[in-house]
Amino acid sequence: LSEERRKEIVKIAAKYTEDCKISIRNIRREGMDKIKLDEKNKELSKDESFQNSEDLQSLTNRFIEKIDTLFAEKEKDILKV
């Protein structure tokens, strides 16, 4: 592959990476909405709601970090001659 084509492939991979991150953030938003609704309906206490929100955010951060790591590795692999 030419250098130009490799850079083009990296751009495509970056787009897929960003789409994946957006999907994860949408799932997080849905989870947060569910937690807030459960708290409003008195199914969760404020402490449980806070803890669940923290856990969900931690999980989201972990997966986004993993996606970034995988993309960085793949980018190096693609650009390697």
N, C-alpha and C. Protein backbone atom coordinates (compact mmCIF):
# COMPACT_ATOMS: atom_id res chain seq x y z
N LEU A 1 0.83 -1.19 0.00
CA LEU A 1 0.00 0.00 0.00
C LEU A 1 0.88 1.25 0.00
N SER A 2 0.41 2.25 -0.69
CA SER A 2 1.15 3.51 -0.71
C SER A 2 0.91 4.26 0.61
N GLU A 3 1.77 5.21 0.87
CA GLU A 3 1.64 5.99 2.11
C GLU A 3 0.31 6.73 2.12
N GLU A 4 -0.08 7.25 0.97
CA GLU A 4 -1.35 7.98 0.87
C GLU A 4 -2.53 7.06 1.23
N ARG A 5 -2.51 5.85 0.72
CA ARG A 5 -3.59 4.91 1.00
C ARG A 5 -3.61 4.50 2.47
N ARG A 6 -2.44 4.32 3.06
CA ARG A 6 -2.38 3.96 4.48
C ARG A 6 -2.97 5.07 5.34
N LYS A 7 -2.66 6.32 5.01
CA LYS A 7 -3.22 7.46 5.76
C LYS A 7 -4.73 7.51 5.59
N GLU A 8 -5.20 7.18 4.40
CA GLU A 8 -6.64 7.15 4.14
C GLU A 8 -7.32 6.07 5.01
N ILE A 9 -6.67 4.92 5.12
CA ILE A 9 -7.21 3.83 5.94
C ILE A 9 -7.23 4.24 7.41
N VAL A 10 -6.21 4.96 7.85
CA VAL A 10 -6.18 5.43 9.24
C VAL A 10 -7.34 6.39 9.49
N LYS A 11 -7.65 7.26 8.53
CA LYS A 11 -8.78 8.18 8.69
C LYS A 11 -10.09 7.42 8.81
N ILE A 12 -10.22 6.37 8.02
CA ILE A 12 -11.44 5.55 8.09
C ILE A 12 -11.52 4.86 9.45
N ALA A 13 -10.40 4.34 9.93
CA ALA A 13 -10.37 3.69 11.24
C ALA A 13 -10.71 4.69 12.34
N ALA A 14 -10.22 5.92 12.20
CA ALA A 14 -10.52 6.96 13.19
C ALA A 14 -12.01 7.26 13.21
N LYS A 15 -12.64 7.25 12.06
CA LYS A 15 -14.08 7.50 11.98
C LYS A 15 -14.83 6.38 12.70
N TYR A 16 -14.44 5.12 12.44
CA TYR A 16 -15.08 4.00 13.13
C TYR A 16 -14.86 4.08 14.64
N THR A 17 -13.68 4.50 15.03
CA THR A 17 -13.37 4.65 16.45
C THR A 17 -14.29 5.69 17.08
N GLU A 18 -14.46 6.82 16.44
CA GLU A 18 -15.33 7.87 16.96
C GLU A 18 -16.78 7.41 17.01
N ASP A 19 -17.23 6.69 15.99
CA ASP A 19 -18.60 6.15 16.00
C ASP A 19 -18.81 5.20 17.18
N CYS A 20 -17.80 4.41 17.46
CA CYS A 20 -17.87 3.48 18.59
C CYS A 20 -17.97 4.24 19.91
N LYS A 21 -17.17 5.29 20.06
CA LYS A 21 -17.21 6.10 21.28
C LYS A 21 -18.58 6.75 21.45
N ILE A 22 -19.15 7.23 20.36
CA ILE A 22 -20.47 7.85 20.41
C ILE A 22 -21.50 6.83 20.86
N SER A 23 -21.41 5.60 20.35
CA SER A 23 -22.34 4.55 20.76
C SER A 23 -22.23 4.27 22.25
N ILE A 24 -21.01 4.22 22.74
CA ILE A 24 -20.81 3.96 24.17
C ILE A 24 -21.38 5.11 25.00
N ARG A 25 -21.18 6.34 24.56
CA ARG A 25 -21.73 7.49 25.30
C ARG A 25 -23.25 7.48 25.28
N ASN A 26 -23.85 7.05 24.17
CA ASN A 26 -25.31 6.95 24.11
C ASN A 26 -25.83 5.90 25.08
N ILE A 27 -25.13 4.79 25.18
CA ILE A 27 -25.51 3.75 26.14
C ILE A 27 -25.38 4.29 27.56
N ARG A 28 -24.30 5.04 27.83
CA ARG A 28 -24.14 5.64 29.14
C ARG A 28 -25.29 6.58 29.45
N ARG A 29 -25.67 7.41 28.48
CA ARG A 29 -26.77 8.35 28.69
C ARG A 29 -28.07 7.61 29.02
N GLU A 30 -28.34 6.52 28.29
CA GLU A 30 -29.54 5.72 28.56
C GLU A 30 -29.49 5.14 29.97
N GLY A 31 -28.32 4.67 30.37
CA GLY A 31 -28.15 4.13 31.72
C GLY A 31 -28.36 5.19 32.79
N MET A 32 -27.81 6.37 32.56
CA MET A 32 -27.98 7.47 33.51
C MET A 32 -29.45 7.87 33.62
N ASP A 33 -30.14 7.89 32.47
CA ASP A 33 -31.57 8.22 32.49
C ASP A 33 -32.34 7.18 33.30
N LYS A 34 -31.98 5.91 33.14
CA LYS A 34 -32.64 4.84 33.89
C LYS A 34 -32.38 4.98 35.39
N ILE A 35 -31.16 5.31 35.75
CA ILE A 35 -30.81 5.50 37.16
C ILE A 35 -31.62 6.65 37.75
N LYS A 36 -31.69 7.76 37.01
CA LYS A 36 -32.46 8.92 37.49
C LYS A 36 -33.94 8.58 37.63
N LEU A 37 -34.47 7.83 36.68
CA LEU A 37 -35.87 7.44 36.74
C LEU A 37 -36.14 6.53 37.94
N ASP A 38 -35.24 5.59 38.18
CA ASP A 38 -35.39 4.70 39.33
C ASP A 38 -35.32 5.47 40.64
N GLU A 39 -34.45 6.47 40.69
CA GLU A 39 -34.36 7.30 41.89
C GLU A 39 -35.65 8.10 42.07
N LYS A 40 -36.15 8.64 40.99
CA LYS A 40 -37.39 9.42 41.05
C LYS A 40 -38.57 8.56 41.51
N ASN A 41 -38.60 7.30 41.06
CA ASN A 41 -39.67 6.38 41.43
C ASN A 41 -39.43 5.70 42.77
N LYS A 42 -38.41 6.15 43.48
CA LYS A 42 -38.07 5.64 44.81
C LYS A 42 -37.64 4.17 44.81
N GLU A 43 -37.15 3.70 43.66
CA GLU A 43 -36.62 2.34 43.58
C GLU A 43 -35.16 2.30 44.02
N LEU A 44 -34.50 3.46 43.98
CA LEU A 44 -33.11 3.58 44.41
C LEU A 44 -33.00 4.76 45.37
N SER A 45 -32.13 4.61 46.36
CA SER A 45 -31.86 5.74 47.24
C SER A 45 -30.87 6.67 46.54
N LYS A 46 -30.67 7.85 47.10
CA LYS A 46 -29.72 8.80 46.51
C LYS A 46 -28.31 8.21 46.51
N ASP A 47 -27.95 7.52 47.59
CA ASP A 47 -26.62 6.91 47.69
C ASP A 47 -26.44 5.82 46.62
N GLU A 48 -27.45 4.98 46.45
CA GLU A 48 -27.37 3.93 45.44
C GLU A 48 -27.31 4.54 44.05
N SER A 49 -28.08 5.56 43.83
CA SER A 49 -28.10 6.24 42.55
C SER A 49 -26.73 6.84 42.25
N PHE A 50 -26.14 7.49 43.25
CA PHE A 50 -24.83 8.09 43.07
C PHE A 50 -23.79 7.01 42.78
N GLN A 51 -23.82 5.92 43.53
CA GLN A 51 -22.86 4.83 43.34
C GLN A 51 -23.01 4.19 41.96
N ASN A 52 -24.26 3.97 41.54
CA ASN A 52 -24.49 3.39 40.22
C ASN A 52 -24.01 4.33 39.12
N SER A 53 -24.22 5.62 39.29
CA SER A 53 -23.75 6.60 38.31
C SER A 53 -22.23 6.59 38.22
N GLU A 54 -21.58 6.52 39.37
CA GLU A 54 -20.11 6.48 39.40
C GLU A 54 -19.61 5.21 38.72
N ASP A 55 -20.25 4.07 39.01
CA ASP A 55 -19.84 2.81 38.40
C ASP A 55 -20.02 2.85 36.88
N LEU A 56 -21.14 3.40 36.44
CA LEU A 56 -21.41 3.50 35.01
C LEU A 56 -20.39 4.40 34.32
N GLN A 57 -20.04 5.51 34.95
CA GLN A 57 -19.05 6.43 34.38
C GLN A 57 -17.68 5.76 34.33
N SER A 58 -17.34 5.02 35.37
CA SER A 58 -16.06 4.32 35.41
C SER A 58 -15.97 3.28 34.30
N LEU A 59 -17.05 2.55 34.11
CA LEU A 59 -17.10 1.54 33.06
C LEU A 59 -16.99 2.19 31.68
N THR A 60 -17.68 3.30 31.50
CA THR A 60 -17.62 4.03 30.23
C THR A 60 -16.20 4.50 29.96
N ASN A 61 -15.56 5.08 30.96
CA ASN A 61 -14.18 5.56 30.79
C ASN A 61 -13.24 4.41 30.43
N ARG A 62 -13.44 3.26 31.08
CA ARG A 62 -12.58 2.12 30.82
C ARG A 62 -12.70 1.65 29.37
N PHE A 63 -13.93 1.58 28.87
CA PHE A 63 -14.11 1.12 27.50
C PHE A 63 -13.61 2.14 26.48
N ILE A 64 -13.80 3.41 26.74
CA ILE A 64 -13.31 4.44 25.81
C ILE A 64 -11.78 4.42 25.78
N GLU A 65 -11.18 4.23 26.94
CA GLU A 65 -9.72 4.14 27.01
C GLU A 65 -9.23 2.91 26.22
N LYS A 66 -9.95 1.81 26.34
CA LYS A 66 -9.57 0.60 25.62
C LYS A 66 -9.68 0.82 24.10
N ILE A 67 -10.74 1.50 23.68
CA ILE A 67 -10.91 1.81 22.26
C ILE A 67 -9.76 2.67 21.76
N ASP A 68 -9.39 3.69 22.55
CA ASP A 68 -8.27 4.56 22.16
C ASP A 68 -6.97 3.77 22.03
N THR A 69 -6.75 2.86 22.96
CA THR A 69 -5.54 2.04 22.93
C THR A 69 -5.51 1.15 21.70
N LEU A 70 -6.63 0.51 21.42
CA LEU A 70 -6.71 -0.36 20.25
C LEU A 70 -6.50 0.43 18.96
N PHE A 71 -7.08 1.63 18.89
CA PHE A 71 -6.90 2.46 17.70
C PHE A 71 -5.44 2.86 17.53
N ALA A 72 -4.79 3.24 18.62
CA ALA A 72 -3.38 3.65 18.54
C ALA A 72 -2.51 2.49 18.03
N GLU A 73 -2.79 1.29 18.53
CA GLU A 73 -2.04 0.11 18.07
C GLU A 73 -2.30 -0.16 16.60
N LYS A 74 -3.55 -0.07 16.19
CA LYS A 74 -3.91 -0.34 14.80
C LYS A 74 -3.31 0.72 13.87
N GLU A 75 -3.31 1.96 14.33
CA GLU A 75 -2.73 3.05 13.53
C GLU A 75 -1.26 2.79 13.28
N LYS A 76 -0.52 2.39 14.32
CA LYS A 76 0.89 2.07 14.16
C LYS A 76 1.07 0.93 13.16
N ASP A 77 0.22 -0.08 13.30
CA ASP A 77 0.28 -1.24 12.42
C ASP A 77 0.01 -0.86 10.96
N ILE A 78 -0.97 -0.01 10.73
CA ILE A 78 -1.32 0.40 9.37
C ILE A 78 -0.22 1.25 8.75
N LEU A 79 0.34 2.15 9.52
CA LEU A 79 1.35 3.07 8.99
C LEU A 79 2.74 2.45 8.84
N LYS A 80 2.92 1.29 9.47
CA LYS A 80 4.21 0.60 9.39
C LYS A 80 4.42 0.10 7.97
N VAL A 81 5.61 0.33 7.44
CA VAL A 81 5.89 -0.07 6.06
C VAL A 81 6.34 -1.51 6.01
